[in-house]
Amino acid sequence: MAVSEKMMFSAVESRRLYRQVADQMRGLIERGELVPGSRLPAERDLAQKFGVSRPTIREALLVLEVEGFIDIRMGSGIYVAVRQTSASDVPPEDFEGPFELLRARAVVECAIAEEAARLARPEQIAILDGNLARMAAALEDRRRALAIDREFHVLVSSIIANQTLNRFVGSIHDMRMTPYFEKLASYFENAETWRAAMEEHRVIRDAIAAGDPSAARAAMRAHLDQSQLRLSASFGEETTDSTIPAAWRRVGGK
């Protein structure tokens, strides 16, 4: 189903970019300019036309799917849905997207791992080992793996013995229990991704046990970078530019 030639988009400015992208797309759907069953361009093309990153587009699409405006079909594409959910499903203005949280974690948890490597005692390393053993037995159980993953990061923080840091790490991991993270996880988390995360935890543990702050910081950064990559596979089929409706290629009247 073709998209109207009169439809225009403009590059978004600051203030939660993914919310601005979601707002523009939601408006088009609510006005009937994007109709149920019509297919949206691929993520890379949406990112180019809106002038934002692909993670920003992915966060916007997650919001729209949870709200019921679009249907993401892995391997096929992203389609406008027949909406059945209510307006109460719209996230609050201060809602943090998955990639925003990962960026915050990279700033804080890398420093935590670095300091933990300076302070860790043998009994604390033994506790980390117990966590890794439980993780190895929980790879097929997402809920359990998620809880053990959270525990690992809180245990690393607890080595520093700072309750403020412990609360921060715990709370930022708890944000993964929102419908938006659940939707993202439904596409990309599985036993193999949890196994990869566990092995990355093991590298962090080894650096902390060795008392190597720089290696611990690098290992945590690599883990969080890999976490973002695992959540950054394309939602749908990557189309060529020739398949994109002309209106999408003429964003902002260009």
C-alpha atoms as a PDB file:
ATOM      1  CA  MET A   1       0.000   0.000   0.000  1.00  0.00           C
ATOM      2  CA  ALA A   2       1.615   3.274  -1.108  1.00  0.00           C
ATOM      3  CA  VAL A   3       2.423   6.137   1.239  1.00  0.00           C
ATOM      4  CA  SER A   4       1.102   9.573   0.249  1.00  0.00           C
ATOM      5  CA  GLU A   5       3.475  11.791  -1.736  1.00  0.00           C
ATOM      6  CA  LYS A   6       2.423  14.754   0.447  1.00  0.00           C
ATOM      7  CA  MET A   7       3.723  13.192   3.627  1.00  0.00           C
ATOM      8  CA  MET A   8       6.775  15.041   4.990  1.00  0.00           C
ATOM      9  CA  PHE A   9       9.122  14.563   7.915  1.00  0.00           C
ATOM     10  CA  SER A  10      11.648  16.893   9.465  1.00  0.00           C
ATOM     11  CA  ALA A  11      14.863  16.076  11.265  1.00  0.00           C
ATOM     12  CA  VAL A  12      14.278  16.066  15.011  1.00  0.00           C
ATOM     13  CA  GLU A  13      16.042  18.189  17.619  1.00  0.00           C
ATOM     14  CA  SER A  14      17.163  17.435  21.184  1.00  0.00           C
ATOM     15  CA  ARG A  15      14.760  16.320  24.010  1.00  0.00           C
ATOM     16  CA  ARG A  16      14.578  12.571  23.921  1.00  0.00           C
ATOM     17  CA  LEU A  17      15.037  12.123  20.224  1.00  0.00           C
ATOM     18  CA  TYR A  18      13.314   8.761  20.110  1.00  0.00           C
ATOM     19  CA  ARG A  19      10.175  10.311  21.643  1.00  0.00           C
ATOM     20  CA  GLN A  20      10.093  12.976  18.929  1.00  0.00           C
ATOM     21  CA  VAL A  21      10.457  10.328  16.228  1.00  0.00           C
ATOM     22  CA  ALA A  22       7.686   8.253  17.817  1.00  0.00           C
ATOM     23  CA  ASP A  23       5.467  11.337  18.082  1.00  0.00           C
ATOM     24  CA  GLN A  24       5.866  12.161  14.379  1.00  0.00           C
ATOM     25  CA  MET A  25       5.146   8.621  13.280  1.00  0.00           C
ATOM     26  CA  ARG A  26       2.228   8.256  15.695  1.00  0.00           C
ATOM     27  CA  GLY A  27       0.708  11.458  14.327  1.00  0.00           C
ATOM     28  CA  LEU A  28       0.868  10.158  10.766  1.00  0.00           C
ATOM     29  CA  ILE A  29      -0.877   6.954  11.782  1.00  0.00           C
ATOM     30  CA  GLU A  30      -3.554   8.726  13.815  1.00  0.00           C
ATOM     31  CA  ARG A  31      -4.278  11.093  10.908  1.00  0.00           C
ATOM     32  CA  GLY A  32      -4.591   8.161   8.531  1.00  0.00           C
ATOM     33  CA  GLU A  33      -1.577   9.132   6.428  1.00  0.00           C
ATOM     34  CA  LEU A  34      -0.046   5.775   7.284  1.00  0.00           C
ATOM     35  CA  VAL A  35      -2.750   3.141   7.053  1.00  0.00           C
ATOM     36  CA  PRO A  36      -2.942  -0.340   8.590  1.00  0.00           C
ATOM     37  CA  GLY A  37      -1.017  -2.842   6.523  1.00  0.00           C
ATOM     38  CA  SER A  38       1.378  -0.306   4.972  1.00  0.00           C
ATOM     39  CA  ARG A  39       5.035  -1.128   5.361  1.00  0.00           C
ATOM     40  CA  LEU A  40       7.574   1.303   6.786  1.00  0.00           C
ATOM     41  CA  PRO A  41      11.088   1.803   5.395  1.00  0.00           C
ATOM     42  CA  ALA A  42      14.016  -0.092   6.907  1.00  0.00           C
ATOM     43  CA  GLU A  43      15.618   1.241  10.088  1.00  0.00           C
ATOM     44  CA  ARG A  44      18.723   2.581   8.378  1.00  0.00           C
ATOM     45  CA  ASP A  45      16.606   4.624   5.992  1.00  0.00           C
ATOM     46  CA  LEU A  46      14.378   5.963   8.757  1.00  0.00           C
ATOM     47  CA  ALA A  47      17.512   6.968  10.680  1.00  0.00           C
ATOM     48  CA  GLN A  48      18.842   8.859   7.663  1.00  0.00           C
ATOM     49  CA  LYS A  49      15.593  10.670   6.981  1.00  0.00           C
ATOM     50  CA  PHE A  50      15.000  11.684  10.590  1.00  0.00           C
ATOM     51  CA  GLY A  51      18.656  12.614  11.078  1.00  0.00           C
ATOM     52  CA  VAL A  52      19.118  10.364  14.117  1.00  0.00           C
ATOM     53  CA  SER A  53      20.942   7.151  14.991  1.00  0.00           C
ATOM     54  CA  ARG A  54      19.559   3.676  14.385  1.00  0.00           C
ATOM     55  CA  PRO A  55      19.311   2.990  18.149  1.00  0.00           C
ATOM     56  CA  THR A  56      17.099   6.098  18.384  1.00  0.00           C
ATOM     57  CA  ILE A  57      14.865   4.722  15.625  1.00  0.00           C
ATOM     58  CA  ARG A  58      14.769   1.346  17.367  1.00  0.00           C
ATOM     59  CA  GLU A  59      13.676   2.933  20.651  1.00  0.00           C
ATOM     60  CA  ALA A  60      10.936   4.871  18.851  1.00  0.00           C
ATOM     61  CA  LEU A  61       9.708   1.719  17.122  1.00  0.00           C
ATOM     62  CA  LEU A  62       9.603  -0.141  20.444  1.00  0.00           C
ATOM     63  CA  VAL A  63       7.368   2.536  21.929  1.00  0.00           C
ATOM     64  CA  LEU A  64       5.049   2.435  18.915  1.00  0.00           C
ATOM     65  CA  GLU A  65       4.823  -1.341  18.983  1.00  0.00           C
ATOM     66  CA  VAL A  66       4.028  -1.514  22.690  1.00  0.00           C
ATOM     67  CA  GLU A  67       1.387   1.182  22.106  1.00  0.00           C
ATOM     68  CA  GLY A  68      -0.053  -1.006  19.357  1.00  0.00           C
ATOM     69  CA  PHE A  69       0.597   1.341  16.421  1.00  0.00           C
ATOM     70  CA  ILE A  70       3.010  -0.902  14.507  1.00  0.00           C
ATOM     71  CA  ASP A  71       3.751  -4.577  14.083  1.00  0.00           C
ATOM     72  CA  ILE A  72       7.408  -5.618  13.864  1.00  0.00           C
ATOM     73  CA  ARG A  73       7.775  -8.848  11.892  1.00  0.00           C
ATOM     74  CA  MET A  74      11.305 -10.181  12.104  1.00  0.00           C
ATOM     75  CA  GLY A  75      12.710 -10.976   8.683  1.00  0.00           C
ATOM     76  CA  SER A  76       9.819  -9.229   6.926  1.00  0.00           C
ATOM     77  CA  GLY A  77       9.611  -5.622   8.017  1.00  0.00           C
ATOM     78  CA  ILE A  78       7.694  -3.104  10.072  1.00  0.00           C
ATOM     79  CA  TYR A  79       3.997  -2.575   9.354  1.00  0.00           C
ATOM     80  CA  VAL A  80       1.282  -0.221  10.533  1.00  0.00           C
ATOM     81  CA  ALA A  81      -1.035  -2.218  12.800  1.00  0.00           C
ATOM     82  CA  VAL A  82      -4.746  -2.149  13.514  1.00  0.00           C
ATOM     83  CA  ARG A  83      -4.465  -0.604  16.972  1.00  0.00           C
ATOM     84  CA  GLN A  84      -6.230  -2.375  19.811  1.00  0.00           C
ATOM     85  CA  THR A  85      -4.454  -1.062  22.927  1.00  0.00           C
ATOM     86  CA  SER A  86      -5.560   2.048  24.797  1.00  0.00           C
ATOM     87  CA  ALA A  87      -4.021   5.494  25.093  1.00  0.00           C
ATOM     88  CA  SER A  88      -2.978   4.642  28.660  1.00  0.00           C
ATOM     89  CA  ASP A  89      -0.207   2.491  27.165  1.00  0.00           C
ATOM     90  CA  VAL A  90       1.723   5.610  26.092  1.00  0.00           C
ATOM     91  CA  PRO A  91       4.936   5.795  28.180  1.00  0.00           C
ATOM     92  CA  PRO A  92       5.537   8.756  30.515  1.00  0.00           C
ATOM     93  CA  GLU A  93       7.578  11.651  29.191  1.00  0.00           C
ATOM     94  CA  ASP A  94      10.533  10.764  31.445  1.00  0.00           C
ATOM     95  CA  PHE A  95      10.678   7.142  30.266  1.00  0.00           C
ATOM     96  CA  GLU A  96      14.244   6.032  29.490  1.00  0.00           C
ATOM     97  CA  GLY A  97      14.752   3.920  26.409  1.00  0.00           C
ATOM     98  CA  PRO A  98      16.865   0.745  26.447  1.00  0.00           C
ATOM     99  CA  PHE A  99      19.886   2.302  24.736  1.00  0.00           C
ATOM    100  CA  GLU A 100      19.758   5.386  26.934  1.00  0.00           C
ATOM    101  CA  LEU A 101      20.045   3.117  29.955  1.00  0.00           C
ATOM    102  CA  LEU A 102      22.932   1.189  28.421  1.00  0.00           C
ATOM    103  CA  ARG A 103      24.822   4.435  27.865  1.00  0.00           C
ATOM    104  CA  ALA A 104      24.273   5.410  31.509  1.00  0.00           C
ATOM    105  CA  ARG A 105      25.459   2.001  32.638  1.00  0.00           C
ATOM    106  CA  ALA A 106      28.623   2.349  30.568  1.00  0.00           C
ATOM    107  CA  VAL A 107      29.515   5.583  32.365  1.00  0.00           C
ATOM    108  CA  VAL A 108      28.896   4.280  35.886  1.00  0.00           C
ATOM    109  CA  GLU A 109      29.546   0.532  35.850  1.00  0.00           C
ATOM    110  CA  CYS A 110      32.912   0.780  34.112  1.00  0.00           C
ATOM    111  CA  ALA A 111      34.150   2.993  36.919  1.00  0.00           C
ATOM    112  CA  ILE A 112      32.638   0.605  39.472  1.00  0.00           C
ATOM    113  CA  ALA A 113      34.481  -2.384  37.975  1.00  0.00           C
ATOM    114  CA  GLU A 114      37.731  -0.431  37.960  1.00  0.00           C
ATOM    115  CA  GLU A 115      37.409   0.414  41.652  1.00  0.00           C
ATOM    116  CA  ALA A 116      36.231  -3.104  42.531  1.00  0.00           C
ATOM    117  CA  ALA A 117      39.472  -4.516  41.127  1.00  0.00           C
ATOM    118  CA  ARG A 118      41.396  -2.407  43.656  1.00  0.00           C
ATOM    119  CA  LEU A 119      39.330  -3.548  46.629  1.00  0.00           C
ATOM    120  CA  ALA A 120      38.126  -7.119  46.032  1.00  0.00           C
ATOM    121  CA  ARG A 121      38.807  -9.734  48.687  1.00  0.00           C
ATOM    122  CA  PRO A 122      38.969 -13.504  48.046  1.00  0.00           C
ATOM    123  CA  GLU A 123      35.588 -14.132  49.676  1.00  0.00           C
ATOM    124  CA  GLN A 124      33.981 -11.597  47.331  1.00  0.00           C
ATOM    125  CA  ILE A 125      35.483 -13.337  44.305  1.00  0.00           C
ATOM    126  CA  ALA A 126      34.045 -16.609  45.622  1.00  0.00           C
ATOM    127  CA  ILE A 127      30.586 -14.999  45.692  1.00  0.00           C
ATOM    128  CA  LEU A 128      31.016 -13.924  42.063  1.00  0.00           C
ATOM    129  CA  ASP A 129      31.981 -17.512  41.222  1.00  0.00           C
ATOM    130  CA  GLY A 130      28.770 -18.761  42.788  1.00  0.00           C
ATOM    131  CA  ASN A 131      26.802 -16.296  40.697  1.00  0.00           C
ATOM    132  CA  LEU A 132      28.500 -17.508  37.495  1.00  0.00           C
ATOM    133  CA  ALA A 133      27.698 -21.120  38.382  1.00  0.00           C
ATOM    134  CA  ARG A 134      24.015 -20.264  38.842  1.00  0.00           C
ATOM    135  CA  MET A 135      24.021 -18.348  35.560  1.00  0.00           C
ATOM    136  CA  ALA A 136      25.392 -21.381  33.733  1.00  0.00           C
ATOM    137  CA  ALA A 137      22.413 -23.402  34.969  1.00  0.00           C
ATOM    138  CA  ALA A 138      19.843 -20.752  33.986  1.00  0.00           C
ATOM    139  CA  LEU A 139      20.593 -20.013  30.336  1.00  0.00           C
ATOM    140  CA  GLU A 140      17.305 -21.492  29.129  1.00  0.00           C
ATOM    141  CA  ASP A 141      15.216 -19.592  31.676  1.00  0.00           C
ATOM    142  CA  ARG A 142      15.127 -15.906  30.727  1.00  0.00           C
ATOM    143  CA  ARG A 143      13.508 -14.685  33.947  1.00  0.00           C
ATOM    144  CA  ARG A 144      16.012 -16.501  36.116  1.00  0.00           C
ATOM    145  CA  ALA A 145      18.960 -15.479  33.924  1.00  0.00           C
ATOM    146  CA  LEU A 146      17.823 -11.862  34.090  1.00  0.00           C
ATOM    147  CA  ALA A 147      17.696 -11.964  37.899  1.00  0.00           C
ATOM    148  CA  ILE A 148      21.137 -13.581  38.113  1.00  0.00           C
ATOM    149  CA  ASP A 149      22.521 -11.058  35.632  1.00  0.00           C
ATOM    150  CA  ARG A 150      21.228  -8.229  37.824  1.00  0.00           C
ATOM    151  CA  GLU A 151      22.748  -9.925  40.862  1.00  0.00           C
ATOM    152  CA  PHE A 152      26.184 -10.101  39.214  1.00  0.00           C
ATOM    153  CA  HIS A 153      26.304  -6.371  38.567  1.00  0.00           C
ATOM    154  CA  VAL A 154      25.086  -5.547  42.081  1.00  0.00           C
ATOM    155  CA  LEU A 155      27.706  -7.933  43.529  1.00  0.00           C
ATOM    156  CA  VAL A 156      30.468  -6.142  41.618  1.00  0.00           C
ATOM    157  CA  SER A 157      29.168  -2.835  42.984  1.00  0.00           C
ATOM    158  CA  SER A 158      28.925  -4.230  46.525  1.00  0.00           C
ATOM    159  CA  ILE A 159      32.692  -4.819  46.553  1.00  0.00           C
ATOM    160  CA  ILE A 160      33.049  -1.032  46.933  1.00  0.00           C
ATOM    161  CA  ALA A 161      30.673  -1.050  49.932  1.00  0.00           C
ATOM    162  CA  ASN A 162      28.738   2.035  48.834  1.00  0.00           C
ATOM    163  CA  GLN A 163      24.981   1.683  49.264  1.00  0.00           C
ATOM    164  CA  THR A 164      24.221   4.565  46.898  1.00  0.00           C
ATOM    165  CA  LEU A 165      26.030   2.772  44.086  1.00  0.00           C
ATOM    166  CA  ASN A 166      24.298  -0.489  44.963  1.00  0.00           C
ATOM    167  CA  ARG A 167      20.874   1.171  44.775  1.00  0.00           C
ATOM    168  CA  PHE A 168      21.730   2.822  41.467  1.00  0.00           C
ATOM    169  CA  VAL A 169      22.942  -0.389  39.847  1.00  0.00           C
ATOM    170  CA  GLY A 170      19.973  -2.335  41.147  1.00  0.00           C
ATOM    171  CA  SER A 171      17.429   0.267  40.062  1.00  0.00           C
ATOM    172  CA  ILE A 172      18.845   0.712  36.581  1.00  0.00           C
ATOM    173  CA  HIS A 173      18.689  -3.056  36.071  1.00  0.00           C
ATOM    174  CA  ASP A 174      15.112  -3.106  37.361  1.00  0.00           C
ATOM    175  CA  MET A 175      14.167  -0.749  34.525  1.00  0.00           C
ATOM    176  CA  ARG A 176      14.622  -3.707  32.196  1.00  0.00           C
ATOM    177  CA  MET A 177      11.332  -5.074  33.509  1.00  0.00           C
ATOM    178  CA  THR A 178       9.253  -2.480  31.616  1.00  0.00           C
ATOM    179  CA  PRO A 179       7.100  -3.561  28.634  1.00  0.00           C
ATOM    180  CA  TYR A 180       9.603  -1.869  26.295  1.00  0.00           C
ATOM    181  CA  PHE A 181      12.548  -3.937  27.463  1.00  0.00           C
ATOM    182  CA  GLU A 182      10.345  -7.025  27.473  1.00  0.00           C
ATOM    183  CA  LYS A 183       9.445  -6.396  23.847  1.00  0.00           C
ATOM    184  CA  LEU A 184      13.071  -5.819  22.874  1.00  0.00           C
ATOM    185  CA  ALA A 185      14.158  -8.951  24.732  1.00  0.00           C
ATOM    186  CA  SER A 186      11.497 -11.026  22.977  1.00  0.00           C
ATOM    187  CA  TYR A 187      13.297 -10.412  19.703  1.00  0.00           C
ATOM    188  CA  PHE A 188      16.931 -10.745  20.663  1.00  0.00           C
ATOM    189  CA  GLU A 189      17.477 -12.590  23.965  1.00  0.00           C
ATOM    190  CA  ASN A 190      17.932 -16.362  23.966  1.00  0.00           C
ATOM    191  CA  ALA A 191      20.134 -19.034  25.530  1.00  0.00           C
ATOM    192  CA  GLU A 192      23.063 -18.123  23.279  1.00  0.00           C
ATOM    193  CA  THR A 193      22.947 -14.413  24.090  1.00  0.00           C
ATOM    194  CA  TRP A 194      22.774 -15.240  27.791  1.00  0.00           C
ATOM    195  CA  ARG A 195      25.746 -17.593  27.372  1.00  0.00           C
ATOM    196  CA  ALA A 196      27.709 -14.787  25.739  1.00  0.00           C
ATOM    197  CA  ALA A 197      26.791 -12.431  28.585  1.00  0.00           C
ATOM    198  CA  MET A 198      27.901 -15.025  31.120  1.00  0.00           C
ATOM    199  CA  GLU A 199      31.295 -15.406  29.449  1.00  0.00           C
ATOM    200  CA  GLU A 200      31.692 -11.632  29.437  1.00  0.00           C
ATOM    201  CA  HIS A 201      30.875 -11.648  33.162  1.00  0.00           C
ATOM    202  CA  ARG A 202      33.612 -14.241  33.608  1.00  0.00           C
ATOM    203  CA  VAL A 203      36.163 -11.921  31.973  1.00  0.00           C
ATOM    204  CA  ILE A 204      35.078  -9.120  34.321  1.00  0.00           C
ATOM    205  CA  ARG A 205      35.402 -11.473  37.293  1.00  0.00           C
ATOM    206  CA  ASP A 206      38.887 -12.567  36.233  1.00  0.00           C
ATOM    207  CA  ALA A 207      40.106  -8.978  35.878  1.00  0.00           C
ATOM    208  CA  ILE A 208      38.729  -8.052  39.299  1.00  0.00           C
ATOM    209  CA  ALA A 209      40.258 -11.194  40.859  1.00  0.00           C
ATOM    210  CA  ALA A 210      43.606 -10.319  39.294  1.00  0.00           C
ATOM    211  CA  GLY A 211      43.471  -6.868  40.865  1.00  0.00           C
ATOM    212  CA  ASP A 212      43.792  -5.210  37.441  1.00  0.00           C
ATOM    213  CA  PRO A 213      41.672  -2.021  37.424  1.00  0.00           C
ATOM    214  CA  SER A 214      42.260  -1.106  33.762  1.00  0.00           C
ATOM    215  CA  ALA A 215      41.426  -4.624  32.595  1.00  0.00           C
ATOM    216  CA  ALA A 216      38.290  -4.671  34.754  1.00  0.00           C
ATOM    217  CA  ARG A 217      37.136  -1.353  33.320  1.00  0.00           C
ATOM    218  CA  ALA A 218      37.814  -2.556  29.766  1.00  0.00           C
ATOM    219  CA  ALA A 219      36.029  -5.855  30.394  1.00  0.00           C
ATOM    220  CA  MET A 220      32.909  -4.099  31.707  1.00  0.00           C
ATOM    221  CA  ARG A 221      32.929  -1.696  28.756  1.00  0.00           C
ATOM    222  CA  ALA A 222      33.274  -4.589  26.312  1.00  0.00           C
ATOM    223  CA  HIS A 223      30.372  -6.372  28.019  1.00  0.00           C
ATOM    224  CA  LEU A 224      28.079  -3.346  27.797  1.00  0.00           C
ATOM    225  CA  ASP A 225      29.136  -2.667  24.207  1.00  0.00           C
ATOM    226  CA  GLN A 226      28.326  -6.265  23.315  1.00  0.00           C
ATOM    227  CA  SER A 227      24.992  -5.969  25.126  1.00  0.00           C
ATOM    228  CA  GLN A 228      24.089  -3.033  22.916  1.00  0.00           C
ATOM    229  CA  LEU A 229      25.180  -4.909  19.810  1.00  0.00           C
ATOM    230  CA  ARG A 230      23.020  -7.884  20.784  1.00  0.00           C
ATOM    231  CA  LEU A 231      20.034  -5.549  20.981  1.00  0.00           C
ATOM    232  CA  SER A 232      20.914  -3.755  17.765  1.00  0.00           C
ATOM    233  CA  ALA A 233      20.194  -6.335  15.091  1.00  0.00           C
ATOM    234  CA  SER A 234      17.706  -5.044  12.545  1.00  0.00           C
ATOM    235  CA  PHE A 235      14.037  -5.540  13.406  1.00  0.00           C
ATOM    236  CA  GLY A 236      13.104  -6.307   9.835  1.00  0.00           C
ATOM    237  CA  GLU A 237      14.199  -6.845   6.287  1.00  0.00           C
ATOM    238  CA  GLU A 238      16.794  -4.354   5.088  1.00  0.00           C
ATOM    239  CA  THR A 239      15.303  -2.858   1.948  1.00  0.00           C
ATOM    240  CA  THR A 240      17.120  -1.030  -0.805  1.00  0.00           C
ATOM    241  CA  ASP A 241      16.453   2.652  -1.349  1.00  0.00           C
ATOM    242  CA  SER A 242      14.585   1.960  -4.584  1.00  0.00           C
ATOM    243  CA  THR A 243      11.800   0.243  -2.633  1.00  0.00           C
ATOM    244  CA  ILE A 244      11.164   3.216  -0.337  1.00  0.00           C
ATOM    245  CA  PRO A 245       8.134   5.382  -1.168  1.00  0.00           C
ATOM    246  CA  ALA A 246       9.132   8.719  -2.640  1.00  0.00           C
ATOM    247  CA  ALA A 247       7.660  10.735   0.232  1.00  0.00           C
ATOM    248  CA  TRP A 248      10.028   9.022   2.675  1.00  0.00           C
ATOM    249  CA  ARG A 249      12.985   9.962   0.453  1.00  0.00           C
ATOM    250  CA  ARG A 250      11.931  13.621   0.466  1.00  0.00           C
ATOM    251  CA  VAL A 251      12.099  14.276   4.185  1.00  0.00           C
ATOM    252  CA  GLY A 252      11.771  17.954   4.956  1.00  0.00           C
ATOM    253  CA  GLY A 253      10.958  18.710   1.344  1.00  0.00           C
ATOM    254  CA  LYS A 254      14.455  17.916   0.080  1.00  0.00           C
END
